[in-house]
């Protein structure tokens, strides 16, 4: 059975919400404190890099579609040991990653209905369409693309502080309100060799030594300027 079928078998309509690292709050809720800020920012960095890596995909396995590859890249953010088992805690991280992916795709002007079909249904035709749109929306050049990842997480534009403490991912709203991510991914999810390579490449986009040093340098510069 190909990985796409295994991934779809892992999707569930949850009887109860998947655990997350903090309670889901409305968009205008209080700013998160240090550890939560760091965790959410780290997930958001990984998601933006994963989507950029997805756009560059040119090595799909036989029978693998663009939707399958995107799901694998997002699963790779949560399943850090790549053992193929999505624990409850990893399912919570994955839910956060899916919501961050929704935010990033919205930032790139992907229609909400397409995001819904992609991240909830993993529709292959929609995935192809979204990938083409994202490819056209992203800036050209590695340095500019890296800066785009940082701007998504740490500030909407160059006038914002490097780490905006009020930044919050738009988590799925509970308490009777509509949830954007309506299906959880849990259980056993096997990743192919090509998918694991793509996950490593995405990780390097956002967590390489160069990327981390660039952010530190930018933070020092902005602090000196009083931004």
N, C-alpha and C. Protein backbone atom coordinates (compact mmCIF):
# COMPACT_ATOMS: atom_id res chain seq x y z
N UNK A 1 0.85 -1.20 0.00
CA UNK A 1 0.00 0.00 0.00
C UNK A 1 0.88 1.24 0.00
N UNK A 2 0.60 2.16 -0.86
CA UNK A 2 1.44 3.35 -0.96
C UNK A 2 1.20 4.27 0.22
N UNK A 3 2.17 5.16 0.45
CA UNK A 3 2.12 6.04 1.63
C UNK A 3 0.88 6.90 1.68
N UNK A 4 0.33 7.32 0.50
CA UNK A 4 -0.85 8.17 0.52
C UNK A 4 -2.01 7.48 1.19
N UNK A 5 -2.17 6.18 0.96
CA UNK A 5 -3.25 5.44 1.59
C UNK A 5 -3.01 5.30 3.09
N UNK A 6 -1.76 5.08 3.47
CA UNK A 6 -1.45 4.98 4.89
C UNK A 6 -1.70 6.30 5.59
N UNK A 7 -1.35 7.40 4.93
CA UNK A 7 -1.59 8.71 5.53
C UNK A 7 -3.07 8.97 5.70
N UNK A 8 -3.86 8.61 4.69
CA UNK A 8 -5.29 8.84 4.79
C UNK A 8 -5.93 7.97 5.87
N UNK A 9 -5.40 6.77 6.07
CA UNK A 9 -5.92 5.92 7.13
C UNK A 9 -5.65 6.53 8.49
N UNK A 10 -4.63 7.37 8.58
CA UNK A 10 -4.29 7.98 9.86
C UNK A 10 -5.17 9.20 10.17
N UNK A 11 -5.96 9.66 9.20
CA UNK A 11 -6.83 10.82 9.42
C UNK A 11 -8.10 10.38 10.13
N UNK A 12 -8.48 11.14 11.13
CA UNK A 12 -9.64 10.81 11.92
C UNK A 12 -10.48 12.06 12.16
N UNK A 13 -11.80 11.87 12.25
CA UNK A 13 -12.66 12.90 12.79
C UNK A 13 -12.64 12.70 14.30
N UNK A 14 -11.96 13.55 15.07
CA UNK A 14 -11.77 13.26 16.48
C UNK A 14 -13.05 13.38 17.28
N UNK A 15 -13.23 12.43 18.22
CA UNK A 15 -14.35 12.54 19.14
C UNK A 15 -14.07 13.63 20.15
N UNK A 16 -12.82 13.88 20.44
CA UNK A 16 -12.44 14.98 21.30
C UNK A 16 -11.24 15.66 20.65
N UNK A 17 -11.01 16.94 20.93
CA UNK A 17 -9.93 17.65 20.26
C UNK A 17 -8.58 17.02 20.58
N UNK A 18 -7.68 17.06 19.60
CA UNK A 18 -6.33 16.59 19.86
C UNK A 18 -5.68 17.51 20.89
N UNK A 19 -4.85 16.96 21.79
CA UNK A 19 -4.19 17.82 22.77
C UNK A 19 -3.26 18.78 22.07
N UNK A 20 -3.18 20.00 22.57
CA UNK A 20 -2.28 21.00 22.01
C UNK A 20 -1.43 21.55 23.14
N UNK A 21 -0.41 22.31 22.80
CA UNK A 21 0.54 22.74 23.80
C UNK A 21 0.00 23.85 24.68
N UNK A 22 -1.08 24.46 24.28
CA UNK A 22 -1.73 25.47 25.09
C UNK A 22 -3.18 25.49 24.68
N UNK A 23 -4.07 25.97 25.52
CA UNK A 23 -5.49 25.98 25.18
C UNK A 23 -5.72 26.87 23.99
N UNK A 24 -6.62 26.43 23.07
CA UNK A 24 -6.93 27.24 21.89
C UNK A 24 -7.67 28.47 22.33
N UNK A 25 -7.26 29.61 21.78
CA UNK A 25 -7.85 30.86 22.19
C UNK A 25 -8.34 31.60 20.96
N UNK A 26 -9.21 32.57 21.19
CA UNK A 26 -9.66 33.43 20.11
C UNK A 26 -8.48 34.23 19.60
N UNK A 27 -8.61 34.76 18.41
CA UNK A 27 -7.51 35.47 17.76
C UNK A 27 -7.02 36.64 18.59
N UNK A 28 -7.89 37.31 19.33
CA UNK A 28 -7.49 38.48 20.09
C UNK A 28 -7.25 38.16 21.56
N UNK A 29 -6.90 36.91 21.87
CA UNK A 29 -6.62 36.52 23.25
C UNK A 29 -5.30 37.10 23.72
N UNK A 30 -4.93 36.86 24.99
CA UNK A 30 -3.71 37.44 25.55
C UNK A 30 -2.46 36.89 24.89
N UNK A 31 -1.40 37.69 24.91
CA UNK A 31 -0.13 37.26 24.33
C UNK A 31 0.43 36.09 25.13
N UNK A 32 1.10 35.19 24.40
CA UNK A 32 1.66 34.01 25.05
C UNK A 32 2.96 34.37 25.75
N UNK A 33 3.30 33.62 26.81
CA UNK A 33 4.53 33.87 27.53
C UNK A 33 5.68 33.13 26.87
N UNK A 34 6.90 33.33 27.44
CA UNK A 34 8.13 32.92 26.79
C UNK A 34 8.20 31.54 26.17
N UNK A 35 7.99 30.49 26.96
CA UNK A 35 8.14 29.13 26.43
C UNK A 35 7.13 28.84 25.35
N UNK A 36 5.89 29.26 25.55
CA UNK A 36 4.86 29.03 24.55
C UNK A 36 5.16 29.83 23.29
N UNK A 37 5.62 31.07 23.45
CA UNK A 37 6.00 31.87 22.29
C UNK A 37 7.06 31.16 21.47
N UNK A 38 8.08 30.65 22.16
CA UNK A 38 9.19 29.98 21.47
C UNK A 38 8.68 28.76 20.70
N UNK A 39 7.85 27.95 21.36
CA UNK A 39 7.36 26.72 20.73
C UNK A 39 6.53 27.03 19.50
N UNK A 40 5.61 27.97 19.63
CA UNK A 40 4.75 28.31 18.50
C UNK A 40 5.56 28.93 17.36
N UNK A 41 6.51 29.80 17.70
CA UNK A 41 7.35 30.39 16.66
C UNK A 41 8.17 29.32 15.95
N UNK A 42 8.69 28.35 16.70
CA UNK A 42 9.49 27.29 16.11
C UNK A 42 8.64 26.45 15.16
N UNK A 43 7.41 26.14 15.55
CA UNK A 43 6.52 25.39 14.67
C UNK A 43 6.20 26.19 13.42
N UNK A 44 5.94 27.49 13.59
CA UNK A 44 5.61 28.33 12.44
C UNK A 44 6.78 28.43 11.47
N UNK A 45 8.01 28.54 11.99
CA UNK A 45 9.19 28.55 11.13
C UNK A 45 9.28 27.26 10.32
N UNK A 46 9.05 26.14 11.00
CA UNK A 46 9.12 24.84 10.34
C UNK A 46 8.06 24.70 9.26
N UNK A 47 6.87 25.22 9.54
CA UNK A 47 5.77 25.12 8.57
C UNK A 47 6.05 25.95 7.33
N UNK A 48 6.47 27.19 7.51
CA UNK A 48 6.75 28.04 6.35
C UNK A 48 7.85 27.43 5.49
N UNK A 49 8.88 26.89 6.14
CA UNK A 49 9.96 26.24 5.39
C UNK A 49 9.46 24.99 4.68
N UNK A 50 8.57 24.25 5.33
CA UNK A 50 8.02 23.03 4.71
C UNK A 50 7.21 23.38 3.46
N UNK A 51 6.44 24.44 3.52
CA UNK A 51 5.64 24.83 2.35
C UNK A 51 6.55 25.30 1.22
N UNK A 52 7.60 26.04 1.56
CA UNK A 52 8.54 26.44 0.52
C UNK A 52 9.23 25.22 -0.10
N UNK A 53 9.59 24.25 0.73
CA UNK A 53 10.19 23.03 0.20
C UNK A 53 9.20 22.27 -0.66
N UNK A 54 7.95 22.25 -0.26
CA UNK A 54 6.89 21.59 -1.03
C UNK A 54 6.78 22.16 -2.44
N UNK A 55 6.88 23.48 -2.53
CA UNK A 55 6.78 24.14 -3.82
C UNK A 55 7.93 23.70 -4.74
N UNK A 56 9.07 23.40 -4.16
CA UNK A 56 10.25 23.01 -4.95
C UNK A 56 10.27 21.52 -5.30
N UNK A 57 9.26 20.77 -4.86
CA UNK A 57 9.26 19.33 -5.05
C UNK A 57 9.37 18.92 -6.52
N UNK A 58 10.35 18.05 -6.80
CA UNK A 58 10.49 17.53 -8.17
C UNK A 58 10.85 16.04 -8.15
N UNK A 59 10.57 15.39 -7.01
CA UNK A 59 10.97 13.99 -6.87
C UNK A 59 9.86 13.13 -6.28
N UNK A 60 8.62 13.36 -6.70
CA UNK A 60 7.50 12.58 -6.18
C UNK A 60 7.70 11.09 -6.50
N UNK A 61 7.32 10.26 -5.54
CA UNK A 61 7.34 8.82 -5.78
C UNK A 61 6.23 8.43 -6.75
N UNK A 62 6.33 7.25 -7.32
CA UNK A 62 5.26 6.74 -8.19
C UNK A 62 3.97 6.66 -7.38
N UNK A 63 2.93 7.28 -7.90
CA UNK A 63 1.65 7.27 -7.21
C UNK A 63 1.49 8.32 -6.14
N UNK A 64 2.55 9.06 -5.84
CA UNK A 64 2.47 10.12 -4.84
C UNK A 64 2.02 11.41 -5.50
N UNK A 65 1.09 12.12 -4.86
CA UNK A 65 0.63 13.41 -5.37
C UNK A 65 1.17 14.55 -4.54
N UNK A 66 0.93 15.77 -4.99
CA UNK A 66 1.40 16.95 -4.25
C UNK A 66 0.78 17.03 -2.86
N UNK A 67 -0.48 16.62 -2.74
CA UNK A 67 -1.12 16.64 -1.43
C UNK A 67 -0.44 15.67 -0.47
N UNK A 68 -0.06 14.49 -0.98
CA UNK A 68 0.64 13.51 -0.16
C UNK A 68 1.97 14.07 0.35
N UNK A 69 2.71 14.75 -0.51
CA UNK A 69 4.01 15.26 -0.12
C UNK A 69 3.86 16.37 0.93
N UNK A 70 2.86 17.23 0.76
CA UNK A 70 2.66 18.29 1.75
C UNK A 70 2.30 17.69 3.10
N UNK A 71 1.41 16.71 3.10
CA UNK A 71 1.05 16.08 4.36
C UNK A 71 2.28 15.45 5.01
N UNK A 72 3.11 14.79 4.24
CA UNK A 72 4.31 14.16 4.79
C UNK A 72 5.24 15.20 5.40
N UNK A 73 5.41 16.34 4.73
CA UNK A 73 6.27 17.40 5.25
C UNK A 73 5.75 17.94 6.58
N UNK A 74 4.44 18.07 6.70
CA UNK A 74 3.86 18.58 7.93
C UNK A 74 3.91 17.52 9.03
N UNK A 75 3.68 16.26 8.67
CA UNK A 75 3.83 15.17 9.64
C UNK A 75 5.25 15.14 10.18
N UNK A 76 6.22 15.40 9.31
CA UNK A 76 7.62 15.37 9.73
C UNK A 76 7.97 16.40 10.78
N UNK A 77 7.21 17.48 10.85
CA UNK A 77 7.44 18.49 11.89
C UNK A 77 7.12 17.93 13.26
N UNK A 78 6.06 17.13 13.33
CA UNK A 78 5.61 16.58 14.62
C UNK A 78 6.33 15.29 14.98
N UNK A 79 6.52 14.42 14.00
CA UNK A 79 7.11 13.09 14.25
C UNK A 79 8.62 13.20 14.19
N UNK A 80 9.19 13.80 15.24
CA UNK A 80 10.61 14.14 15.21
C UNK A 80 11.51 12.92 15.08
N UNK A 81 11.14 11.79 15.71
CA UNK A 81 12.00 10.61 15.63
C UNK A 81 11.70 9.74 14.42
N UNK A 82 10.70 10.15 13.62
CA UNK A 82 10.35 9.47 12.37
C UNK A 82 10.12 7.96 12.57
N UNK A 83 9.50 7.61 13.70
CA UNK A 83 9.24 6.21 13.95
C UNK A 83 7.91 5.74 13.37
N UNK A 84 7.20 6.65 12.73
CA UNK A 84 5.94 6.27 12.08
C UNK A 84 4.74 6.23 13.00
N UNK A 85 4.94 6.51 14.29
CA UNK A 85 3.84 6.51 15.24
C UNK A 85 3.57 7.94 15.69
N UNK A 86 2.33 8.41 15.47
CA UNK A 86 1.94 9.75 15.90
C UNK A 86 1.29 9.63 17.27
N UNK A 87 2.02 10.05 18.30
CA UNK A 87 1.49 9.99 19.67
C UNK A 87 0.48 11.12 19.87
N UNK A 88 -0.18 11.11 21.03
CA UNK A 88 -1.13 12.19 21.33
C UNK A 88 -0.43 13.54 21.35
N UNK A 89 0.76 13.59 21.93
CA UNK A 89 1.49 14.86 21.98
C UNK A 89 1.89 15.31 20.57
N UNK A 90 2.34 14.36 19.76
CA UNK A 90 2.72 14.71 18.38
C UNK A 90 1.50 15.12 17.56
N UNK A 91 0.35 14.51 17.84
CA UNK A 91 -0.88 14.94 17.16
C UNK A 91 -1.22 16.37 17.52
N UNK A 92 -0.94 16.76 18.77
CA UNK A 92 -1.17 18.15 19.16
C UNK A 92 -0.27 19.12 18.42
N UNK A 93 1.01 18.75 18.29
CA UNK A 93 1.95 19.58 17.53
C UNK A 93 1.52 19.66 16.07
N UNK A 94 1.08 18.54 15.52
CA UNK A 94 0.65 18.51 14.13
C UNK A 94 -0.56 19.39 13.91
N UNK A 95 -1.49 19.42 14.87
CA UNK A 95 -2.64 20.31 14.74
C UNK A 95 -2.19 21.76 14.70
N UNK A 96 -1.23 22.11 15.54
CA UNK A 96 -0.68 23.46 15.51
C UNK A 96 -0.03 23.76 14.16
N UNK A 97 0.70 22.78 13.63
CA UNK A 97 1.36 22.97 12.34
C UNK A 97 0.34 23.16 11.22
N UNK A 98 -0.75 22.41 11.25
CA UNK A 98 -1.77 22.56 10.22
C UNK A 98 -2.41 23.95 10.27
N UNK A 99 -2.64 24.47 11.47
CA UNK A 99 -3.19 25.81 11.59
C UNK A 99 -2.19 26.87 11.14
N UNK A 100 -0.91 26.64 11.43
CA UNK A 100 0.12 27.56 10.95
C UNK A 100 0.19 27.52 9.43
N UNK A 101 0.04 26.33 8.85
CA UNK A 101 0.03 26.21 7.38
C UNK A 101 -1.14 26.98 6.80
N UNK A 102 -2.31 26.92 7.45
CA UNK A 102 -3.47 27.69 7.01
C UNK A 102 -3.13 29.18 6.98
N UNK A 103 -2.50 29.67 8.08
CA UNK A 103 -2.13 31.08 8.16
C UNK A 103 -1.16 31.47 7.05
N UNK A 104 -0.16 30.62 6.82
CA UNK A 104 0.86 30.95 5.83
C UNK A 104 0.27 30.95 4.42
N UNK A 105 -0.59 30.01 4.12
CA UNK A 105 -1.22 29.97 2.80
C UNK A 105 -2.14 31.18 2.61
N UNK A 106 -2.82 31.59 3.68
CA UNK A 106 -3.63 32.81 3.59
C UNK A 106 -2.75 34.02 3.29
N UNK A 107 -1.59 34.07 3.93
CA UNK A 107 -0.64 35.16 3.70
C UNK A 107 -0.24 35.24 2.23
N UNK A 108 -0.20 34.08 1.58
CA UNK A 108 0.20 34.01 0.17
C UNK A 108 -1.00 34.08 -0.77
N UNK A 109 -2.14 34.54 -0.24
CA UNK A 109 -3.35 34.82 -1.03
C UNK A 109 -4.01 33.58 -1.62
N UNK A 110 -3.85 32.45 -0.96
CA UNK A 110 -4.58 31.25 -1.38
C UNK A 110 -6.02 31.38 -0.86
N UNK A 111 -7.04 31.17 -1.70
CA UNK A 111 -8.43 31.28 -1.25
C UNK A 111 -8.72 30.32 -0.10
N UNK A 112 -9.56 30.78 0.83
CA UNK A 112 -9.86 29.98 2.02
C UNK A 112 -10.47 28.63 1.67
N UNK A 113 -11.32 28.61 0.65
CA UNK A 113 -11.97 27.34 0.29
C UNK A 113 -10.94 26.33 -0.23
N UNK A 114 -9.90 26.82 -0.92
CA UNK A 114 -8.85 25.91 -1.38
C UNK A 114 -8.00 25.41 -0.21
N UNK A 115 -7.73 26.30 0.75
CA UNK A 115 -6.98 25.87 1.93
C UNK A 115 -7.75 24.79 2.67
N UNK A 116 -9.05 24.98 2.80
CA UNK A 116 -9.90 24.01 3.48
C UNK A 116 -9.84 22.65 2.79
N UNK A 117 -9.99 22.65 1.48
CA UNK A 117 -9.96 21.39 0.73
C UNK A 117 -8.59 20.72 0.80
N UNK A 118 -7.55 21.54 0.86
CA UNK A 118 -6.20 20.99 0.90
C UNK A 118 -5.88 20.40 2.27
N UNK A 119 -6.10 21.16 3.35
CA UNK A 119 -5.64 20.74 4.67
C UNK A 119 -6.63 19.86 5.41
N UNK A 120 -7.87 19.78 4.94
CA UNK A 120 -8.83 18.88 5.56
C UNK A 120 -9.11 17.63 4.71
N UNK A 121 -9.13 17.80 3.39
CA UNK A 121 -9.45 16.69 2.50
C UNK A 121 -8.24 16.17 1.73
N UNK A 122 -7.19 16.96 1.66
CA UNK A 122 -5.98 16.60 0.93
C UNK A 122 -6.30 16.26 -0.52
N UNK A 123 -7.08 17.13 -1.13
CA UNK A 123 -7.52 16.97 -2.50
C UNK A 123 -6.34 17.18 -3.45
N UNK A 124 -6.11 16.22 -4.34
CA UNK A 124 -4.93 16.26 -5.20
C UNK A 124 -5.00 17.38 -6.23
N UNK A 125 -6.18 17.60 -6.82
CA UNK A 125 -6.31 18.67 -7.81
C UNK A 125 -6.13 20.03 -7.16
N UNK A 126 -6.72 20.21 -5.99
CA UNK A 126 -6.56 21.48 -5.27
C UNK A 126 -5.09 21.68 -4.90
N UNK A 127 -4.42 20.61 -4.49
CA UNK A 127 -3.01 20.71 -4.12
C UNK A 127 -2.17 21.23 -5.29
N UNK A 128 -2.42 20.72 -6.49
CA UNK A 128 -1.69 21.19 -7.66
C UNK A 128 -1.94 22.67 -7.90
N UNK A 129 -3.20 23.08 -7.75
CA UNK A 129 -3.55 24.48 -7.98
C UNK A 129 -2.91 25.40 -6.93
N UNK A 130 -2.97 24.97 -5.68
CA UNK A 130 -2.40 25.77 -4.61
C UNK A 130 -0.88 25.86 -4.77
N UNK A 131 -0.26 24.76 -5.13
CA UNK A 131 1.20 24.77 -5.30
C UNK A 131 1.61 25.75 -6.39
N UNK A 132 0.88 25.79 -7.49
CA UNK A 132 1.19 26.74 -8.56
C UNK A 132 1.03 28.17 -8.08
N UNK A 133 -0.03 28.43 -7.30
CA UNK A 133 -0.28 29.78 -6.81
C UNK A 133 0.79 30.21 -5.82
N UNK A 134 1.16 29.31 -4.91
CA UNK A 134 2.20 29.63 -3.94
C UNK A 134 3.53 29.87 -4.64
N UNK A 135 3.83 29.07 -5.63
CA UNK A 135 5.07 29.23 -6.38
C UNK A 135 5.15 30.61 -7.02
N UNK A 136 4.02 31.09 -7.54
CA UNK A 136 3.99 32.41 -8.17
C UNK A 136 4.02 33.54 -7.13
N UNK A 137 3.58 33.25 -5.91
CA UNK A 137 3.49 34.29 -4.88
C UNK A 137 4.79 34.48 -4.11
N UNK A 138 5.60 33.42 -4.01
CA UNK A 138 6.82 33.50 -3.22
C UNK A 138 7.89 34.33 -3.95
N UNK A 139 8.69 35.07 -3.20
CA UNK A 139 9.76 35.86 -3.84
C UNK A 139 10.84 34.94 -4.40
N UNK A 140 11.54 35.40 -5.41
CA UNK A 140 12.60 34.61 -6.01
C UNK A 140 13.92 34.89 -5.30
N UNK A 141 14.73 33.87 -5.21
CA UNK A 141 16.04 34.01 -4.56
C UNK A 141 16.02 33.44 -3.16
N UNK A 142 17.09 32.69 -2.82
CA UNK A 142 17.14 32.01 -1.53
C UNK A 142 17.11 32.97 -0.35
N UNK A 143 17.89 34.07 -0.44
CA UNK A 143 17.94 35.01 0.67
C UNK A 143 16.59 35.67 0.91
N UNK A 144 15.92 36.04 -0.17
CA UNK A 144 14.62 36.70 -0.04
C UNK A 144 13.58 35.71 0.49
N UNK A 145 13.66 34.46 0.04
CA UNK A 145 12.74 33.43 0.53
C UNK A 145 12.95 33.18 2.01
N UNK A 146 14.21 33.18 2.46
CA UNK A 146 14.50 33.01 3.88
C UNK A 146 13.91 34.17 4.68
N UNK A 147 14.05 35.38 4.15
CA UNK A 147 13.49 36.55 4.84
C UNK A 147 11.97 36.47 4.92
N UNK A 148 11.34 35.89 3.90
CA UNK A 148 9.90 35.72 3.90
C UNK A 148 9.45 34.82 5.05
N UNK A 149 10.22 33.77 5.33
CA UNK A 149 9.90 32.88 6.45
C UNK A 149 9.96 33.66 7.76
N UNK A 150 11.02 34.45 7.95
CA UNK A 150 11.17 35.22 9.18
C UNK A 150 10.06 36.24 9.34
N UNK A 151 9.68 36.90 8.25
CA UNK A 151 8.64 37.91 8.33
C UNK A 151 7.30 37.29 8.70
N UNK A 152 7.02 36.09 8.21
CA UNK A 152 5.78 35.41 8.56
C UNK A 152 5.68 35.19 10.06
N UNK A 153 6.79 34.80 10.68
CA UNK A 153 6.77 34.44 12.09
C UNK A 153 6.99 35.64 13.00
N UNK A 154 7.94 36.49 12.66
CA UNK A 154 8.37 37.52 13.59
C UNK A 154 7.85 38.91 13.30
N UNK A 155 7.21 39.10 12.17
CA UNK A 155 6.69 40.42 11.89
C UNK A 155 6.07 40.49 10.52
N UNK A 156 5.02 41.32 10.39
CA UNK A 156 4.30 41.40 9.13
C UNK A 156 5.08 42.16 8.08
N UNK A 157 5.95 43.07 8.50
CA UNK A 157 6.75 43.84 7.54
C UNK A 157 8.02 44.31 8.23
N UNK A 158 8.84 45.05 7.50
CA UNK A 158 10.14 45.45 8.01
C UNK A 158 10.06 46.43 9.18
N UNK A 159 8.91 47.01 9.45
CA UNK A 159 8.77 47.95 10.52
C UNK A 159 8.50 47.26 11.86
N UNK A 160 8.18 45.98 11.84
CA UNK A 160 7.85 45.26 13.05
C UNK A 160 9.10 44.80 13.78
N UNK A 161 8.94 44.57 15.09
CA UNK A 161 10.03 44.04 15.88
C UNK A 161 10.38 42.64 15.38
N UNK A 162 11.63 42.23 15.62
CA UNK A 162 12.06 40.93 15.15
C UNK A 162 11.22 39.83 15.78
N UNK A 163 10.97 39.90 17.09
CA UNK A 163 10.05 38.94 17.69
C UNK A 163 8.86 39.70 18.24
N UNK A 164 7.75 39.56 17.57
CA UNK A 164 6.52 40.22 17.98
C UNK A 164 5.84 39.35 19.03
N UNK A 165 5.89 39.78 20.28
CA UNK A 165 5.36 38.97 21.38
C UNK A 165 3.86 38.79 21.29
N UNK A 166 3.21 39.57 20.45
CA UNK A 166 1.75 39.42 20.32
C UNK A 166 1.39 38.45 19.21
N UNK A 167 2.43 37.92 18.51
CA UNK A 167 2.13 36.98 17.43
C UNK A 167 1.53 35.70 17.99
N UNK A 168 0.42 35.29 17.44
CA UNK A 168 -0.21 34.03 17.86
C UNK A 168 -0.74 33.33 16.63
N UNK A 169 -0.53 32.04 16.58
CA UNK A 169 -1.13 31.28 15.51
C UNK A 169 -2.63 31.26 15.72
N UNK A 170 -3.38 31.26 14.65
CA UNK A 170 -4.84 31.26 14.74
C UNK A 170 -5.30 29.81 14.96
N UNK A 171 -5.28 29.40 16.20
CA UNK A 171 -5.60 28.02 16.51
C UNK A 171 -7.07 27.73 16.23
N UNK A 172 -7.36 26.44 16.05
CA UNK A 172 -8.75 26.03 15.84
C UNK A 172 -9.59 26.47 17.03
N UNK A 173 -10.72 27.08 16.76
CA UNK A 173 -11.57 27.62 17.82
C UNK A 173 -12.53 26.54 18.30
N UNK A 174 -12.54 26.34 19.61
CA UNK A 174 -13.40 25.32 20.18
C UNK A 174 -14.61 25.98 20.83
N UNK A 175 -15.27 25.27 21.72
CA UNK A 175 -16.40 25.83 22.43
C UNK A 175 -17.59 26.10 21.54
N UNK A 176 -17.84 25.21 20.58
CA UNK A 176 -19.00 25.36 19.72
C UNK A 176 -18.76 26.16 18.46
N UNK A 177 -17.60 26.80 18.36
CA UNK A 177 -17.30 27.58 17.16
C UNK A 177 -16.65 26.69 16.10
N UNK A 178 -16.69 27.14 14.88
CA UNK A 178 -16.18 26.35 13.78
C UNK A 178 -14.68 26.13 13.91
N UNK A 179 -14.24 24.90 13.71
CA UNK A 179 -12.83 24.57 13.70
C UNK A 179 -12.33 24.58 12.26
N UNK A 180 -11.21 25.21 12.03
CA UNK A 180 -10.66 25.22 10.67
C UNK A 180 -10.13 23.84 10.31
N UNK A 181 -9.34 23.24 11.19
CA UNK A 181 -8.82 21.90 10.95
C UNK A 181 -9.76 20.92 11.63
N UNK A 182 -10.53 20.19 10.84
CA UNK A 182 -11.60 19.36 11.38
C UNK A 182 -11.21 17.89 11.50
N UNK A 183 -10.06 17.51 10.97
CA UNK A 183 -9.62 16.12 11.04
C UNK A 183 -8.23 16.06 11.64
N UNK A 184 -8.05 15.09 12.52
CA UNK A 184 -6.73 14.93 13.09
C UNK A 184 -6.00 13.80 12.37
N UNK A 185 -4.70 13.84 12.42
CA UNK A 185 -3.87 12.79 11.85
C UNK A 185 -3.18 12.11 13.02
N UNK A 186 -3.40 10.82 13.16
CA UNK A 186 -2.83 10.11 14.30
C UNK A 186 -2.57 8.66 13.90
N UNK A 187 -2.01 7.90 14.84
CA UNK A 187 -1.74 6.50 14.56
C UNK A 187 -0.43 6.30 13.81
N UNK A 188 -0.40 5.32 12.93
CA UNK A 188 0.83 4.98 12.20
C UNK A 188 0.87 5.70 10.86
N UNK A 189 1.95 6.42 10.62
CA UNK A 189 2.16 7.13 9.37
C UNK A 189 3.58 6.84 8.90
N UNK A 190 3.72 6.04 7.88
CA UNK A 190 5.05 5.72 7.36
C UNK A 190 5.46 6.74 6.29
N UNK A 191 6.67 7.21 6.41
CA UNK A 191 7.20 8.18 5.45
C UNK A 191 8.20 7.49 4.54
N UNK A 192 8.16 7.81 3.25
CA UNK A 192 9.09 7.23 2.29
C UNK A 192 10.46 7.87 2.44
N UNK A 193 11.45 7.27 1.82
CA UNK A 193 12.82 7.81 1.87
C UNK A 193 12.88 9.21 1.27
N UNK A 194 12.20 9.41 0.14
CA UNK A 194 12.19 10.73 -0.50
C UNK A 194 11.51 11.77 0.39
N UNK A 195 10.45 11.37 1.06
CA UNK A 195 9.75 12.29 1.96
C UNK A 195 10.65 12.69 3.13
N UNK A 196 11.39 11.74 3.67
CA UNK A 196 12.29 12.04 4.78
C UNK A 196 13.40 13.01 4.34
N UNK A 197 13.89 12.85 3.12
CA UNK A 197 14.90 13.77 2.60
C UNK A 197 14.31 15.17 2.47
N UNK A 198 13.08 15.25 1.97
CA UNK A 198 12.42 16.55 1.83
C UNK A 198 12.23 17.20 3.19
N UNK A 199 11.90 16.42 4.20
CA UNK A 199 11.72 16.95 5.56
C UNK A 199 13.04 17.53 6.07
N UNK A 200 14.14 16.82 5.83
CA UNK A 200 15.45 17.33 6.26
C UNK A 200 15.81 18.63 5.54
N UNK A 201 15.50 18.70 4.26
CA UNK A 201 15.78 19.94 3.50
C UNK A 201 14.96 21.10 4.04
N UNK A 202 13.70 20.84 4.36
CA UNK A 202 12.85 21.90 4.91
C UNK A 202 13.40 22.37 6.25
N UNK A 203 13.86 21.43 7.06
CA UNK A 203 14.42 21.79 8.36
C UNK A 203 15.62 22.70 8.20
N UNK A 204 16.45 22.43 7.21
CA UNK A 204 17.63 23.25 6.98
C UNK A 204 17.27 24.66 6.54
N UNK A 205 16.15 24.82 5.88
CA UNK A 205 15.72 26.16 5.45
C UNK A 205 15.50 27.08 6.64
N UNK A 206 14.94 26.54 7.72
CA UNK A 206 14.55 27.39 8.84
C UNK A 206 15.44 27.25 10.06
N UNK A 207 16.23 26.16 10.16
CA UNK A 207 16.98 25.91 11.37
C UNK A 207 18.47 25.66 11.12
N UNK A 208 18.97 26.09 9.99
CA UNK A 208 20.40 25.98 9.75
C UNK A 208 21.13 26.99 10.64
N UNK A 209 22.42 26.77 10.84
CA UNK A 209 23.22 27.71 11.63
C UNK A 209 23.17 29.10 11.02
N UNK A 210 23.22 29.16 9.69
CA UNK A 210 23.18 30.47 9.02
C UNK A 210 21.87 31.20 9.28
N UNK A 211 20.75 30.46 9.24
CA UNK A 211 19.45 31.09 9.48
C UNK A 211 19.35 31.60 10.90
N UNK A 212 19.83 30.81 11.87
CA UNK A 212 19.76 31.24 13.27
C UNK A 212 20.67 32.44 13.53
N UNK A 213 21.87 32.45 12.97
CA UNK A 213 22.77 33.59 13.16
C UNK A 213 22.22 34.84 12.49
N UNK A 214 21.58 34.67 11.34
CA UNK A 214 20.99 35.82 10.67
C UNK A 214 19.90 36.47 11.53
N UNK A 215 19.08 35.63 12.17
CA UNK A 215 18.03 36.17 13.03
C UNK A 215 18.62 36.88 14.25
N UNK A 216 19.68 36.31 14.82
CA UNK A 216 20.31 36.95 15.98
C UNK A 216 20.91 38.29 15.60
N UNK A 217 21.57 38.35 14.45
CA UNK A 217 22.15 39.60 13.98
C UNK A 217 21.07 40.64 13.73
N UNK A 218 19.98 40.22 13.11
CA UNK A 218 18.88 41.14 12.83
C UNK A 218 18.27 41.65 14.14
N UNK A 219 18.15 40.79 15.14
CA UNK A 219 17.59 41.19 16.42
C UNK A 219 18.47 42.23 17.10
N UNK A 220 19.79 42.00 17.07
CA UNK A 220 20.71 42.97 17.68
C UNK A 220 20.63 44.31 16.99
N UNK A 221 20.57 44.31 15.66
CA UNK A 221 20.49 45.55 14.90
C UNK A 221 19.22 46.32 15.25
N UNK A 222 18.10 45.63 15.34
CA UNK A 222 16.85 46.30 15.64
C UNK A 222 16.81 46.84 17.07
N UNK A 223 17.42 46.10 17.98
CA UNK A 223 17.47 46.59 19.36
C UNK A 223 18.28 47.88 19.45
N UNK A 224 19.40 47.92 18.71
CA UNK A 224 20.21 49.14 18.70
C UNK A 224 19.45 50.32 18.13
N UNK A 225 18.56 50.04 17.15
CA UNK A 225 17.77 51.09 16.52
C UNK A 225 16.53 51.43 17.33
N UNK A 226 16.29 50.69 18.40
CA UNK A 226 15.13 50.96 19.23
C UNK A 226 13.83 50.47 18.65
N UNK A 227 13.88 49.50 17.73
CA UNK A 227 12.67 48.98 17.10
C UNK A 227 12.09 47.84 17.92
